[in-house]
Amino acid sequence: MNRKEELLQEIKLRRLIRKALKIRQTKNNCLQEQEAKEEQKLRQIIRHVLKEGDVDADTNPAPYTSTALSALADAFNQILPVLKTGLRKLTKPEERKSYRAHVLQKFVSMFESFEALDSKETSGTIGESDLEEDLNIKLDNRPDDAMIVPDIEKERFKPEETPDLEPDDNDVEKLAISTEDPTGARFAFNTINNSNIEKLLGDNRKLLPSDDYKQEYKEYGLYNVDLWLNTYEKELADELGTAPAFSDTVMKKPAGAQVSGAAQEFETAPAEAAPEEEDTGEIDIPDLDAETDDLVSDLEKILMMEQ
């Protein structure tokens, strides 16, 4: 092979390499563009959800189909920012997952307390505190004991007092889920106990004397807390560039309720089939991971057509 042929082969080889690099660069650019489009789409969804969350802060909010939901929305205007702030304080996924579980547990407990109070007011039964007070009165009026205890010895007969649990400790003892992270549990109970969430829920519930309204208030309240925590978790995970710690609802959806907009993705947990790819009009770039000989052959054909 003479010098001229060697030079020609070298030129062809250089052209092949340049074209291969160009194809790879084109493919990388397409992938980056697709990722940017997906990220932009996700950000639009999040902004839409956040915008929906502010609708009731308007001085002229859109009316709801039920008086119970209007009362609930009014309470949620102050409840949701508190729950969101508590969630965002936790850095580990298992902590946020536990936070969600215990927030829901606490909300269930609050509604049970409301219903127990309704039952007591309706039936007029004597509560446990009433029984204790009546018992103390009877004990205080009992005849003197046979044993005389002078003042200097009274300390020996003083009953041991059981210290009252702090609100958070009391919740941990009664409501903590053993399989969930304890830090998330503490933050959940502390967030609610150091806020006016329970008072807000209770006060707005008192505006609804109807049993049907109260039931609707409860069902939609629990389900919406679940939905919104999913929304806040997705927003936070997107900011951190990680997978959400949870992405499905665990509370029962109220009968006849319709979930619309971006919140639909949290309605069910089962995996769904991947959606069909839209025709974007982009050129289909060949896979560069194919056999080298095939790639070289294709590029040689391109070069032959240019000659």
Foldseek 3Di string as FASTA:
>chain_A
DDPVVVVVVVVLVVVLVVVLVVLVVVVVVVVVVVVVVVLVVVVVQLVVVVVVLCQVVDPDHDDDPDPLVVLLNVLCNPVLVLLLVLLVVDDDLLLSVQLLVLLLLVLVVLLVVLVVVVVCVVVVDDDPVNVVVVVVVVVVPDDDDPDDADPVRVVVVDDDDDDDDDQLVVCCVPRHDPVGDVNSNSSNSCSVVVDCSSVSLNVSLVVDPDPVSSVVSSLCNSQVSQLSSLSSQVVVCSVVVHDGSDQEGDRDHDPPDDDDGSSVRRDDDDDDDDDDDDCPVDDDRDDPVDDPVVSSVVVVVVVVVVD
